[in-house]
Amino acid sequence: MKHIVILGGSYAGVSTAHRILKHAAKTGPFKITLVSPNTHFYWNMASPRALIPGQLSDAEMFRPIAAGFAQYPASQFEFVAGMAESLNVEAKTVGISSGHGEKEMLKYDYLILATGSNAKGEVPFKNLTSTEATKDALHGFQERIEKAETIVVAGAGATGVEFAGELAFEYGSRKEIILISSTPAILPESPTSVQKTAMKGLQNLKVNIQLSQKVIDSTHLPNNRTEVSLSRGENLITDLYIPTIGLIPNSSYIPTKHLNAEGFVVVDEFFAVKGAEDVYAIGDVCNVEPLQFIYVDRQSTFLAKNFALILAGKPPLAYKLFFMRVIGVSVGRQLSTGNWGRVRMPNFVALMIRKNLFLQNFDGTVNGTIGDSPL
């Protein structure tokens, strides 16, 4: 029986496990072991709204991972709560550490790295080191947001724009919300029409937008405020500083020879890790495509179908990159915008798609009934 170990309990890991179990069901006996330091799946696509006090409960934001796989027999699937600490590609073993300090060495025939990325500044836009740590951070930031009179959001990509919009929609002129963009326009990878729509929406919500400014440094002050130093020489004193700039791959357990300079896993056109036999990587831990759900979902579907071929002794197919950039952004709770390639989505379409931040897909993602990527 072939043993497939999947590391990561978010979109890439959970979806790929379900899809392999379905697509490869008739290829012969195999077992999947899914390893994650998080016992619960965190719907981080809704995190900009969940950070606002009183908007989304823990019950809406978290689902137990193991329960989503209850339909499979123990001979086919096992969930292990633990964190990957080491990888030996020659011995085909992964070192796992549980939250109780227990260590385990897992042997694999095939390994899929789907450990994702984390956000800077310990802000729970992504999972932290455990479900409890993520919940604690979420609650902690909710309390700080409630108390803050001024909030600086650094980074005007999709996350920064959404978060600034959520803050301003909730608090209006009761709090000063400042959005810092290092580029001359917010949402720099979107068409001008989308940028203007989002800009006007934020301005209507009274967000103070500073363009062509970079955050050079941030210093925590003794009075629990933060001094934010900007590239044009200005210093801002704020009650709360939230960086949304860049993601850090969760790849510390992977030998550096398999990583690029930024710490992302280097893969080929099959998502096979270069220099590591029978090891694959998808999602945010490798930088093949933009670090967005739409691309992760497509990669997961592709890899699951390829595993059905591999387990059947057939040659895998090469991945075809999805070059079209798709971005959707909520600006508060009554406006959304976005683009499909260079074409702007009608606002009512974007709002209809993003109104619930895809929470309607949460249960189906965790239990595997959501199906394959349509792209």
Protein backbone atom coordinates (compact mmCIF):
# COMPACT_ATOMS: atom_id res chain seq x y z
CA MET A 1 0.00 0.00 0.00
CA LYS A 2 1.36 3.40 -1.00
CA HIS A 3 1.56 6.02 1.74
CA ILE A 4 0.92 9.64 0.75
CA VAL A 5 1.78 12.23 3.40
CA ILE A 6 0.32 15.71 2.96
CA LEU A 7 1.67 18.53 5.12
CA GLY A 8 -0.74 21.42 5.71
CA GLY A 9 -4.30 21.79 6.97
CA SER A 10 -5.61 24.70 4.94
CA TYR A 11 -6.99 25.07 1.39
CA ALA A 12 -4.16 23.31 -0.45
CA GLY A 13 -3.69 20.38 1.94
CA VAL A 14 -7.32 19.62 2.80
CA SER A 15 -8.65 20.00 -0.76
CA THR A 16 -5.86 17.92 -2.27
CA ALA A 17 -6.41 15.11 0.23
CA HIS A 18 -10.12 14.92 -0.62
CA ARG A 19 -9.46 15.11 -4.35
CA ILE A 20 -6.84 12.36 -4.38
CA LEU A 21 -9.14 10.11 -2.36
CA LYS A 22 -11.83 10.65 -5.00
CA HIS A 23 -9.84 10.76 -8.26
CA ALA A 24 -7.50 7.88 -7.37
CA ALA A 25 -10.10 5.66 -5.70
CA LYS A 26 -9.77 2.90 -8.31
CA THR A 27 -6.00 2.95 -8.82
CA GLY A 28 -5.11 0.48 -6.07
CA PRO A 29 -4.60 0.61 -2.31
CA PHE A 30 -3.15 3.79 -0.80
CA LYS A 31 -3.43 5.74 2.42
CA ILE A 32 -3.26 9.48 3.01
CA THR A 33 -1.91 10.96 6.22
CA LEU A 34 -2.72 14.66 6.56
CA VAL A 35 -0.49 16.52 9.01
CA SER A 36 -1.30 19.97 10.38
CA PRO A 37 -0.41 21.91 13.54
CA ASN A 38 -3.96 23.28 13.38
CA THR A 39 -6.79 21.02 14.51
CA HIS A 40 -9.26 23.33 12.77
CA PHE A 41 -9.48 24.80 9.28
CA TYR A 42 -9.39 28.63 9.47
CA TRP A 43 -11.36 30.43 6.74
CA ASN A 44 -8.78 33.17 6.40
CA MET A 45 -10.42 34.65 3.28
CA ALA A 46 -12.83 36.26 5.74
CA SER A 47 -10.11 37.38 8.18
CA PRO A 48 -10.29 41.12 7.27
CA ARG A 49 -13.91 41.07 8.48
CA ALA A 50 -13.35 38.61 11.32
CA LEU A 51 -10.81 40.99 12.86
CA ILE A 52 -13.59 43.55 13.34
CA PRO A 53 -15.20 42.95 16.77
CA GLY A 54 -18.63 41.34 16.66
CA GLN A 55 -18.69 40.49 12.95
CA LEU A 56 -17.83 36.78 12.71
CA SER A 57 -17.75 34.25 15.53
CA ASP A 58 -15.19 31.49 16.03
CA ALA A 59 -17.90 28.99 15.06
CA GLU A 60 -18.19 30.73 11.68
CA MET A 61 -14.42 30.97 11.12
CA PHE A 62 -13.18 27.53 12.26
CA ARG A 63 -14.14 23.95 11.37
CA PRO A 64 -12.55 20.73 12.76
CA ILE A 65 -10.40 19.15 10.06
CA ALA A 66 -10.69 15.52 11.18
CA ALA A 67 -14.50 15.64 11.11
CA GLY A 68 -14.38 16.60 7.44
CA PHE A 69 -12.78 13.24 6.62
CA ALA A 70 -15.07 11.06 8.74
CA GLN A 71 -16.51 9.43 5.60
CA TYR A 72 -13.21 7.65 4.85
CA PRO A 73 -12.12 4.45 6.63
CA ALA A 74 -9.03 4.54 8.87
CA SER A 75 -7.25 2.34 6.34
CA GLN A 76 -7.52 5.16 3.79
CA PHE A 77 -7.08 8.33 5.82
CA GLU A 78 -5.47 9.53 9.04
CA PHE A 79 -5.22 13.03 10.50
CA VAL A 80 -2.17 13.87 12.61
CA ALA A 81 -2.09 17.06 14.68
CA GLY A 82 1.54 18.12 14.56
CA MET A 83 4.07 20.43 12.97
CA ALA A 84 6.66 19.39 10.41
CA GLU A 85 10.12 20.10 11.81
CA SER A 86 12.43 18.27 9.41
CA LEU A 87 12.49 16.58 6.03
CA ASN A 88 14.93 13.93 4.81
CA VAL A 89 14.23 13.36 1.13
CA GLU A 90 16.85 10.62 0.86
CA ALA A 91 15.30 8.55 3.67
CA LYS A 92 11.77 9.66 2.72
CA THR A 93 10.92 10.72 6.25
CA VAL A 94 9.30 13.77 7.85
CA GLY A 95 9.94 14.73 11.47
CA ILE A 96 6.70 15.75 13.22
CA SER A 97 6.34 17.46 16.61
CA SER A 98 3.03 17.56 18.47
CA GLY A 99 1.96 20.41 20.71
CA HIS A 100 2.73 18.21 23.73
CA GLY A 101 6.40 17.89 22.83
CA GLU A 102 6.08 14.39 21.41
CA LYS A 103 8.10 13.68 18.27
CA GLU A 104 7.32 11.26 15.47
CA MET A 105 9.07 10.23 12.26
CA LEU A 106 6.68 9.61 9.36
CA LYS A 107 7.78 7.45 6.45
CA TYR A 108 6.25 8.25 3.07
CA ASP A 109 6.14 6.93 -0.47
CA TYR A 110 4.91 10.29 -1.76
CA LEU A 111 4.99 13.65 -0.01
CA ILE A 112 2.98 16.79 -0.76
CA LEU A 113 4.13 20.07 0.78
CA ALA A 114 1.12 22.34 1.29
CA THR A 115 2.19 24.26 4.39
CA GLY A 116 1.28 27.66 2.97
CA SER A 117 2.54 30.98 4.24
CA ASN A 118 2.14 33.31 7.18
CA ALA A 119 1.53 37.04 7.50
CA LYS A 120 3.99 39.49 8.96
CA GLY A 121 3.42 40.98 12.39
CA GLU A 122 1.52 37.99 13.86
CA VAL A 123 -1.73 39.38 12.44
CA PRO A 124 -4.05 36.40 11.80
CA PHE A 125 -4.66 37.01 8.11
CA LYS A 126 -3.27 33.46 7.94
CA ASN A 127 -3.07 30.54 10.39
CA LEU A 128 -0.54 30.88 13.17
CA THR A 129 1.27 27.97 14.84
CA SER A 130 -1.91 26.32 16.14
CA THR A 131 -5.67 26.78 16.14
CA GLU A 132 -5.57 28.11 19.70
CA ALA A 133 -2.79 30.56 18.80
CA THR A 134 -4.83 31.79 15.83
CA LYS A 135 -7.96 32.22 17.96
CA ASP A 136 -6.00 34.03 20.68
CA ALA A 137 -4.45 36.39 18.12
CA LEU A 138 -7.83 37.02 16.52
CA HIS A 139 -9.41 37.87 19.86
CA GLY A 140 -6.41 39.97 20.89
CA PHE A 141 -6.51 42.08 17.74
CA GLN A 142 -10.28 42.49 18.07
CA GLU A 143 -9.75 43.97 21.54
CA ARG A 144 -6.98 46.27 20.33
CA ILE A 145 -9.05 47.43 17.36
CA GLU A 146 -12.00 48.18 19.65
CA LYS A 147 -9.81 50.37 21.89
CA ALA A 148 -7.76 52.08 19.16
CA GLU A 149 -8.54 55.62 18.01
CA THR A 150 -6.01 55.61 15.16
CA ILE A 151 -5.10 52.58 13.02
CA VAL A 152 -2.41 52.52 10.32
CA VAL A 153 -2.73 49.81 7.65
CA ALA A 154 0.43 49.32 5.58
CA GLY A 155 0.03 47.87 2.10
CA ALA A 156 -2.70 48.66 -0.42
CA GLY A 157 -3.04 45.30 -2.12
CA ALA A 158 -6.26 43.31 -1.82
CA THR A 159 -5.83 42.49 1.90
CA GLY A 160 -4.92 46.04 2.91
CA VAL A 161 -7.76 47.59 0.93
CA GLU A 162 -10.30 45.08 2.27
CA PHE A 163 -9.16 45.50 5.86
CA ALA A 164 -9.13 49.31 5.69
CA GLY A 165 -12.61 49.18 4.16
CA GLU A 166 -13.93 46.87 6.87
CA LEU A 167 -12.52 49.13 9.59
CA ALA A 168 -13.93 52.29 8.05
CA PHE A 169 -17.33 50.74 7.34
CA GLU A 170 -17.66 49.70 10.99
CA TYR A 171 -16.27 52.79 12.68
CA GLY A 172 -16.65 55.60 10.13
CA SER A 173 -15.33 58.86 11.55
CA ARG A 174 -15.12 57.44 15.10
CA LYS A 175 -11.61 56.17 14.36
CA GLU A 176 -8.93 57.52 12.05
CA ILE A 177 -8.02 54.84 9.50
CA ILE A 178 -4.83 55.50 7.50
CA LEU A 179 -3.92 53.32 4.51
CA ILE A 180 -0.30 53.48 3.31
CA SER A 181 0.44 52.56 -0.32
CA SER A 182 4.00 52.35 -1.62
CA THR A 183 2.70 52.73 -5.18
CA PRO A 184 1.03 55.73 -6.87
CA ALA A 185 -2.29 53.85 -6.85
CA ILE A 186 -3.93 51.26 -4.62
CA LEU A 187 -4.40 47.72 -6.01
CA PRO A 188 -1.38 48.20 -8.31
CA GLU A 189 -1.99 44.97 -10.25
CA SER A 190 -5.55 45.90 -11.22
CA PRO A 191 -6.81 48.04 -14.12
CA THR A 192 -7.17 51.78 -13.53
CA SER A 193 -10.97 51.51 -13.47
CA VAL A 194 -10.82 49.05 -10.56
CA GLN A 195 -8.29 51.20 -8.72
CA LYS A 196 -10.53 54.26 -9.07
CA THR A 197 -13.63 52.38 -7.89
CA ALA A 198 -11.84 51.09 -4.79
CA MET A 199 -10.21 54.47 -4.13
CA LYS A 200 -13.54 56.29 -4.27
CA GLY A 201 -15.15 53.66 -2.05
CA LEU A 202 -12.47 54.05 0.61
CA GLN A 203 -12.61 57.84 0.44
CA ASN A 204 -16.39 57.73 0.89
CA LEU A 205 -15.75 55.70 4.04
CA LYS A 206 -13.36 58.44 5.26
CA VAL A 207 -10.14 56.42 4.92
CA ASN A 208 -7.02 58.61 4.86
CA ILE A 209 -5.05 57.21 1.90
CA GLN A 210 -1.37 58.08 1.53
CA LEU A 211 0.06 57.13 -1.86
CA SER A 212 3.71 56.67 -2.89
CA GLN A 213 4.73 56.21 0.73
CA LYS A 214 6.74 53.31 2.11
CA VAL A 215 6.92 52.20 5.72
CA ILE A 216 10.62 52.33 6.57
CA ASP A 217 10.36 51.22 10.19
CA SER A 218 7.92 50.74 13.05
CA THR A 219 8.80 51.15 16.72
CA HIS A 220 6.71 50.00 19.67
CA LEU A 221 6.50 52.82 22.23
CA PRO A 222 6.30 52.48 26.04
CA ASN A 223 2.68 53.73 26.04
CA ASN A 224 1.66 50.76 23.81
CA ARG A 225 1.40 52.98 20.77
CA THR A 226 3.53 52.54 17.63
CA GLU A 227 5.68 55.03 15.75
CA VAL A 228 5.59 54.38 12.00
CA SER A 229 8.40 55.97 9.97
CA LEU A 230 7.55 56.76 6.34
CA SER A 231 9.78 57.18 3.30
CA ARG A 232 9.08 60.89 2.86
CA GLY A 233 10.31 61.65 6.36
CA GLU A 234 6.99 61.71 8.18
CA ASN A 235 6.49 59.82 11.44
CA LEU A 236 3.01 58.65 12.43
CA ILE A 237 2.07 57.82 16.02
CA THR A 238 -0.74 55.29 16.03
CA ASP A 239 -2.62 53.13 18.51
CA LEU A 240 -2.39 50.14 16.19
CA TYR A 241 -0.16 49.30 13.23
CA ILE A 242 -1.25 46.50 10.88
CA PRO A 243 1.17 45.44 8.10
CA THR A 244 -0.38 43.60 5.15
CA ILE A 245 2.77 43.60 3.02
CA GLY A 246 4.11 40.30 1.77
CA LEU A 247 3.76 36.71 2.92
CA ILE A 248 6.43 34.44 4.38
CA PRO A 249 6.44 30.79 3.19
CA ASN A 250 6.17 28.13 5.91
CA SER A 251 9.25 26.28 4.70
CA SER A 252 11.65 26.27 7.66
CA TYR A 253 11.53 22.45 7.87
CA ILE A 254 12.63 22.01 4.24
CA PRO A 255 16.35 21.70 3.36
CA THR A 256 17.53 25.00 1.89
CA LYS A 257 18.79 23.32 -1.29
CA HIS A 258 15.13 22.97 -2.31
CA LEU A 259 14.29 26.65 -1.68
CA ASN A 260 14.88 29.86 -3.59
CA ALA A 261 16.35 33.01 -2.05
CA GLU A 262 12.95 34.05 -0.63
CA GLY A 263 12.33 30.66 1.00
CA PHE A 264 9.80 29.33 -1.51
CA VAL A 265 10.03 25.72 -2.71
CA VAL A 266 11.41 25.31 -6.23
CA VAL A 267 9.23 23.02 -8.36
CA ASP A 268 9.06 21.93 -11.99
CA GLU A 269 6.11 21.84 -14.40
CA PHE A 270 4.64 18.84 -12.53
CA PHE A 271 4.90 20.59 -9.12
CA ALA A 272 7.62 18.07 -8.28
CA VAL A 273 10.26 19.51 -5.96
CA LYS A 274 13.52 19.75 -7.83
CA GLY A 275 16.15 17.37 -6.47
CA ALA A 276 13.68 15.46 -4.26
CA GLU A 277 12.20 12.22 -5.56
CA ASP A 278 8.44 11.75 -5.06
CA VAL A 279 8.03 15.12 -3.30
CA TYR A 280 5.57 17.73 -4.58
CA ALA A 281 4.61 21.23 -3.46
CA ILE A 282 1.61 23.43 -4.20
CA GLY A 283 0.05 26.64 -2.93
CA ASP A 284 1.70 29.47 -1.05
CA VAL A 285 4.79 27.45 -0.09
CA CYS A 286 5.90 27.59 -3.73
CA ASN A 287 5.70 30.72 -5.86
CA VAL A 288 4.62 29.30 -9.21
CA GLU A 289 1.61 31.62 -9.41
CA PRO A 290 0.19 34.52 -7.35
CA LEU A 291 -0.54 33.54 -3.76
CA GLN A 292 -4.33 33.57 -4.07
CA PHE A 293 -7.05 30.98 -3.49
CA ILE A 294 -8.09 30.77 -7.15
CA TYR A 295 -4.61 29.56 -8.13
CA VAL A 296 -4.23 27.24 -5.14
CA ASP A 297 -7.57 25.62 -5.98
CA ARG A 298 -6.50 25.06 -9.58
CA GLN A 299 -3.13 23.61 -8.53
CA SER A 300 -4.82 21.27 -6.05
CA THR A 301 -7.21 19.92 -8.69
CA PHE A 302 -4.33 19.42 -11.13
CA LEU A 303 -2.11 17.60 -8.64
CA ALA A 304 -4.92 15.29 -7.49
CA LYS A 305 -5.63 14.26 -11.08
CA ASN A 306 -1.91 13.73 -11.67
CA PHE A 307 -1.72 11.51 -8.59
CA ALA A 308 -4.47 9.34 -10.05
CA LEU A 309 -2.18 8.87 -13.06
CA ILE A 310 0.95 8.32 -10.96
CA LEU A 311 -0.72 5.72 -8.73
CA ALA A 312 -2.00 3.95 -11.84
CA GLY A 313 1.55 3.77 -13.22
CA LYS A 314 0.89 6.32 -15.96
CA PRO A 315 3.01 9.39 -16.82
CA PRO A 316 1.82 12.66 -15.24
CA LEU A 317 0.78 15.72 -17.22
CA ALA A 318 2.58 19.08 -17.20
CA TYR A 319 0.82 22.03 -15.58
CA LYS A 320 -0.36 24.91 -17.74
CA LEU A 321 0.01 28.22 -15.95
CA PHE A 322 -3.07 30.39 -15.56
CA PHE A 323 -1.73 33.73 -16.73
CA MET A 324 -4.93 35.73 -16.33
CA ARG A 325 -4.89 37.77 -13.11
CA VAL A 326 -8.15 37.61 -11.20
CA ILE A 327 -8.70 39.93 -8.24
CA GLY A 328 -11.83 40.61 -6.22
CA VAL A 329 -11.95 43.11 -3.37
CA SER A 330 -14.65 44.10 -0.90
CA VAL A 331 -14.58 47.78 0.08
CA GLY A 332 -16.72 47.83 3.19
CA ARG A 333 -19.85 45.68 3.09
CA GLN A 334 -21.83 47.45 0.38
CA LEU A 335 -19.26 47.74 -2.42
CA SER A 336 -17.02 45.24 -4.18
CA THR A 337 -14.90 45.54 -7.29
CA GLY A 338 -12.43 43.40 -9.16
CA ASN A 339 -11.08 42.31 -12.49
CA TRP A 340 -10.86 39.25 -14.70
CA GLY A 341 -7.61 39.86 -16.53
CA ARG A 342 -7.77 43.48 -17.69
CA VAL A 343 -11.57 43.56 -17.67
CA ARG A 344 -13.32 45.14 -14.69
CA MET A 345 -16.13 43.15 -13.12
CA PRO A 346 -19.42 45.04 -12.80
CA ASN A 347 -19.70 46.17 -9.19
CA PHE A 348 -22.96 44.27 -8.61
CA VAL A 349 -21.35 41.04 -9.85
CA ALA A 350 -18.28 41.53 -7.62
CA LEU A 351 -20.54 42.29 -4.64
CA MET A 352 -22.69 39.22 -5.30
CA ILE A 353 -19.58 37.01 -5.49
CA ARG A 354 -17.84 38.46 -2.43
CA LYS A 355 -20.75 39.44 -0.20
CA ASN A 356 -20.27 36.52 2.20
CA LEU A 357 -16.51 36.18 1.62
CA PHE A 358 -17.12 32.64 0.30
CA LEU A 359 -18.19 31.35 3.71
CA GLN A 360 -20.95 29.45 1.91
CA ASN A 361 -18.17 27.19 0.55
CA PHE A 362 -16.57 26.51 3.93
CA ASP A 363 -18.31 23.25 4.85
CA GLY A 364 -17.97 21.88 1.33
CA THR A 365 -14.25 22.61 1.33
CA VAL A 366 -13.68 20.87 4.65
CA ASN A 367 -15.78 17.79 3.85
CA GLY A 368 -14.73 17.54 0.20
CA THR A 369 -18.11 18.08 -1.45
CA ILE A 370 -17.15 21.39 -3.09
CA GLY A 371 -15.72 19.65 -6.17
CA ASP A 372 -12.82 20.55 -8.46
CA SER A 373 -11.64 23.95 -9.61
CA PRO A 374 -13.69 25.07 -12.63
CA LEU A 375 -10.61 26.64 -14.25
